[in-house]
């Protein structure tokens, strides 16, 4: 299986996990020129931009370490584009990271702030 197919399968697993925790999934793999956001969801009053990272083991580091400052900038720019095009300007937003290590899933809510 190639990396994109692996990524998609773990994004679906993460999406189901989020649903079980009360999130409403709006979109998977939103893309624009600025970048991609794995999952866009609602959690209560919040519009949530979710990055999903998978690691089979800690040999290459934790999944959360893979969400670098550069990745956060891309996600932030993509989120701003989404907000502008979907007319979601009045909804509070946050950035969550879902880390999957082996078969364990962890959510870090508000993992980072907007980076412009």
C-alpha atoms as a PDB file:
ATOM      1  CA  UNK A   1       0.000   0.000   0.000  1.00  0.00           C
ATOM      2  CA  UNK A   2       1.390   3.453  -0.875  1.00  0.00           C
ATOM      3  CA  UNK A   3       1.726   6.286   1.660  1.00  0.00           C
ATOM      4  CA  UNK A   4      -1.384   8.136   0.418  1.00  0.00           C
ATOM      5  CA  UNK A   5      -3.580   5.041   0.814  1.00  0.00           C
ATOM      6  CA  UNK A   6      -2.102   4.380   4.262  1.00  0.00           C
ATOM      7  CA  UNK A   7      -2.716   8.024   5.220  1.00  0.00           C
ATOM      8  CA  UNK A   8      -6.315   7.887   3.999  1.00  0.00           C
ATOM      9  CA  UNK A   9      -7.029   4.727   5.970  1.00  0.00           C
ATOM     10  CA  UNK A  10      -5.695   6.244   9.207  1.00  0.00           C
ATOM     11  CA  UNK A  11      -7.589   9.483   8.563  1.00  0.00           C
ATOM     12  CA  UNK A  12     -10.815   7.456   8.372  1.00  0.00           C
ATOM     13  CA  UNK A  13      -9.894   5.694  11.632  1.00  0.00           C
ATOM     14  CA  UNK A  14      -9.194   9.083  13.232  1.00  0.00           C
ATOM     15  CA  UNK A  15     -12.493  10.441  11.873  1.00  0.00           C
ATOM     16  CA  UNK A  16     -14.426   7.588  13.437  1.00  0.00           C
ATOM     17  CA  UNK A  17     -12.598   8.148  16.738  1.00  0.00           C
ATOM     18  CA  UNK A  18     -13.512  11.846  16.594  1.00  0.00           C
ATOM     19  CA  UNK A  19     -17.165  10.965  15.911  1.00  0.00           C
ATOM     20  CA  UNK A  20     -17.167   8.751  18.995  1.00  0.00           C
ATOM     21  CA  UNK A  21     -15.907  11.771  20.957  1.00  0.00           C
ATOM     22  CA  UNK A  22     -18.725  14.035  19.775  1.00  0.00           C
ATOM     23  CA  UNK A  23     -17.184  15.682  16.720  1.00  0.00           C
ATOM     24  CA  UNK A  24     -19.229  16.136  13.548  1.00  0.00           C
ATOM     25  CA  UNK A  25     -17.037  15.441  10.513  1.00  0.00           C
ATOM     26  CA  UNK A  26     -17.557  18.060   7.791  1.00  0.00           C
ATOM     27  CA  UNK A  27     -14.813  17.117   5.324  1.00  0.00           C
ATOM     28  CA  UNK A  28     -11.841  14.879   4.726  1.00  0.00           C
ATOM     29  CA  UNK A  29      -8.749  16.015   2.802  1.00  0.00           C
ATOM     30  CA  UNK A  30      -9.666  19.622   2.058  1.00  0.00           C
ATOM     31  CA  UNK A  31      -7.152  20.891  -0.507  1.00  0.00           C
ATOM     32  CA  UNK A  32      -6.270  24.264  -1.965  1.00  0.00           C
ATOM     33  CA  UNK A  33      -3.102  25.961  -3.252  1.00  0.00           C
ATOM     34  CA  UNK A  34      -1.994  26.679   0.321  1.00  0.00           C
ATOM     35  CA  UNK A  35      -2.054  23.021   1.389  1.00  0.00           C
ATOM     36  CA  UNK A  36      -4.254  20.287   2.786  1.00  0.00           C
ATOM     37  CA  UNK A  37      -6.179  19.678   5.992  1.00  0.00           C
ATOM     38  CA  UNK A  38      -6.842  16.042   6.861  1.00  0.00           C
ATOM     39  CA  UNK A  39     -10.166  16.493   8.677  1.00  0.00           C
ATOM     40  CA  UNK A  40     -12.422  19.492   9.204  1.00  0.00           C
ATOM     41  CA  UNK A  41     -15.013  18.998  11.910  1.00  0.00           C
ATOM     42  CA  UNK A  42     -17.295  20.708  14.404  1.00  0.00           C
ATOM     43  CA  UNK A  43     -16.827  20.154  18.123  1.00  0.00           C
ATOM     44  CA  UNK A  44     -19.559  21.999  19.954  1.00  0.00           C
ATOM     45  CA  UNK A  45     -19.318  25.633  18.848  1.00  0.00           C
ATOM     46  CA  UNK A  46     -15.818  25.191  17.375  1.00  0.00           C
ATOM     47  CA  UNK A  47     -14.752  24.649  13.807  1.00  0.00           C
ATOM     48  CA  UNK A  48     -11.805  22.278  14.163  1.00  0.00           C
ATOM     49  CA  UNK A  49      -8.969  21.751  11.704  1.00  0.00           C
ATOM     50  CA  UNK A  50      -7.440  18.346  12.414  1.00  0.00           C
ATOM     51  CA  UNK A  51      -4.059  17.011  11.387  1.00  0.00           C
ATOM     52  CA  UNK A  52      -3.677  13.225  11.590  1.00  0.00           C
ATOM     53  CA  UNK A  53      -0.239  11.679  12.070  1.00  0.00           C
ATOM     54  CA  UNK A  54       0.482   7.950  12.203  1.00  0.00           C
ATOM     55  CA  UNK A  55       3.587   6.117  13.340  1.00  0.00           C
ATOM     56  CA  UNK A  56       3.923   2.344  13.522  1.00  0.00           C
ATOM     57  CA  UNK A  57       6.419   2.755  16.369  1.00  0.00           C
ATOM     58  CA  UNK A  58       8.417   5.496  18.107  1.00  0.00           C
ATOM     59  CA  UNK A  59      11.507   4.617  16.067  1.00  0.00           C
ATOM     60  CA  UNK A  60      10.939   7.701  13.890  1.00  0.00           C
ATOM     61  CA  UNK A  61       9.636   9.798  16.786  1.00  0.00           C
ATOM     62  CA  UNK A  62       6.168  10.475  18.083  1.00  0.00           C
ATOM     63  CA  UNK A  63       3.367  11.357  15.658  1.00  0.00           C
ATOM     64  CA  UNK A  64       3.057  14.763  17.332  1.00  0.00           C
ATOM     65  CA  UNK A  65       6.688  15.655  16.573  1.00  0.00           C
ATOM     66  CA  UNK A  66       5.841  15.406  12.866  1.00  0.00           C
ATOM     67  CA  UNK A  67       3.615  18.504  13.067  1.00  0.00           C
ATOM     68  CA  UNK A  68       6.445  20.994  12.634  1.00  0.00           C
ATOM     69  CA  UNK A  69       6.202  24.787  12.581  1.00  0.00           C
ATOM     70  CA  UNK A  70       6.266  24.669   8.769  1.00  0.00           C
ATOM     71  CA  UNK A  71       3.387  22.182   8.761  1.00  0.00           C
ATOM     72  CA  UNK A  72       1.476  24.388  11.221  1.00  0.00           C
ATOM     73  CA  UNK A  73       1.945  27.394   8.903  1.00  0.00           C
ATOM     74  CA  UNK A  74       0.563  25.431   5.937  1.00  0.00           C
ATOM     75  CA  UNK A  75      -2.408  24.203   7.950  1.00  0.00           C
ATOM     76  CA  UNK A  76      -3.058  27.749   9.210  1.00  0.00           C
ATOM     77  CA  UNK A  77      -3.035  29.214   5.688  1.00  0.00           C
ATOM     78  CA  UNK A  78      -5.273  26.438   4.406  1.00  0.00           C
ATOM     79  CA  UNK A  79      -7.673  26.980   7.301  1.00  0.00           C
ATOM     80  CA  UNK A  80      -7.892  30.698   6.496  1.00  0.00           C
ATOM     81  CA  UNK A  81      -8.712  29.870   2.884  1.00  0.00           C
ATOM     82  CA  UNK A  82     -11.414  27.425   4.040  1.00  0.00           C
ATOM     83  CA  UNK A  83     -12.924  30.009   6.385  1.00  0.00           C
ATOM     84  CA  UNK A  84     -12.962  32.658   3.648  1.00  0.00           C
ATOM     85  CA  UNK A  85     -14.463  30.429   0.962  1.00  0.00           C
ATOM     86  CA  UNK A  86     -17.012  28.681   3.175  1.00  0.00           C
ATOM     87  CA  UNK A  87     -18.100  31.913   4.894  1.00  0.00           C
ATOM     88  CA  UNK A  88     -17.342  30.551   8.365  1.00  0.00           C
ATOM     89  CA  UNK A  89     -15.914  33.846   9.695  1.00  0.00           C
ATOM     90  CA  UNK A  90     -17.972  34.086  12.886  1.00  0.00           C
ATOM     91  CA  UNK A  91     -17.222  30.594  14.219  1.00  0.00           C
ATOM     92  CA  UNK A  92     -14.417  30.122  16.762  1.00  0.00           C
ATOM     93  CA  UNK A  93     -11.710  27.814  15.431  1.00  0.00           C
ATOM     94  CA  UNK A  94      -8.967  25.627  16.783  1.00  0.00           C
ATOM     95  CA  UNK A  95      -6.292  23.250  15.562  1.00  0.00           C
ATOM     96  CA  UNK A  96      -6.278  19.689  16.904  1.00  0.00           C
ATOM     97  CA  UNK A  97      -3.724  16.965  16.222  1.00  0.00           C
ATOM     98  CA  UNK A  98      -4.658  13.304  16.294  1.00  0.00           C
ATOM     99  CA  UNK A  99      -1.661  11.074  16.874  1.00  0.00           C
ATOM    100  CA  UNK A 100      -1.866   7.372  16.126  1.00  0.00           C
ATOM    101  CA  UNK A 101       0.994   5.291  17.488  1.00  0.00           C
ATOM    102  CA  UNK A 102       0.559   1.632  16.632  1.00  0.00           C
ATOM    103  CA  UNK A 103      -3.059   1.035  17.581  1.00  0.00           C
ATOM    104  CA  UNK A 104      -3.360   3.816  20.172  1.00  0.00           C
ATOM    105  CA  UNK A 105      -5.062   7.120  19.340  1.00  0.00           C
ATOM    106  CA  UNK A 106      -4.641  10.388  21.209  1.00  0.00           C
ATOM    107  CA  UNK A 107      -6.195  13.797  20.535  1.00  0.00           C
ATOM    108  CA  UNK A 108      -4.428  17.005  21.467  1.00  0.00           C
ATOM    109  CA  UNK A 109      -7.072  19.722  21.382  1.00  0.00           C
ATOM    110  CA  UNK A 110      -5.859  23.218  20.534  1.00  0.00           C
ATOM    111  CA  UNK A 111      -2.443  21.728  19.744  1.00  0.00           C
ATOM    112  CA  UNK A 112      -1.192  24.966  18.212  1.00  0.00           C
ATOM    113  CA  UNK A 113      -2.282  28.525  17.529  1.00  0.00           C
ATOM    114  CA  UNK A 114      -2.772  30.118  14.115  1.00  0.00           C
ATOM    115  CA  UNK A 115       0.566  30.960  12.490  1.00  0.00           C
ATOM    116  CA  UNK A 116       0.293  33.595   9.766  1.00  0.00           C
END
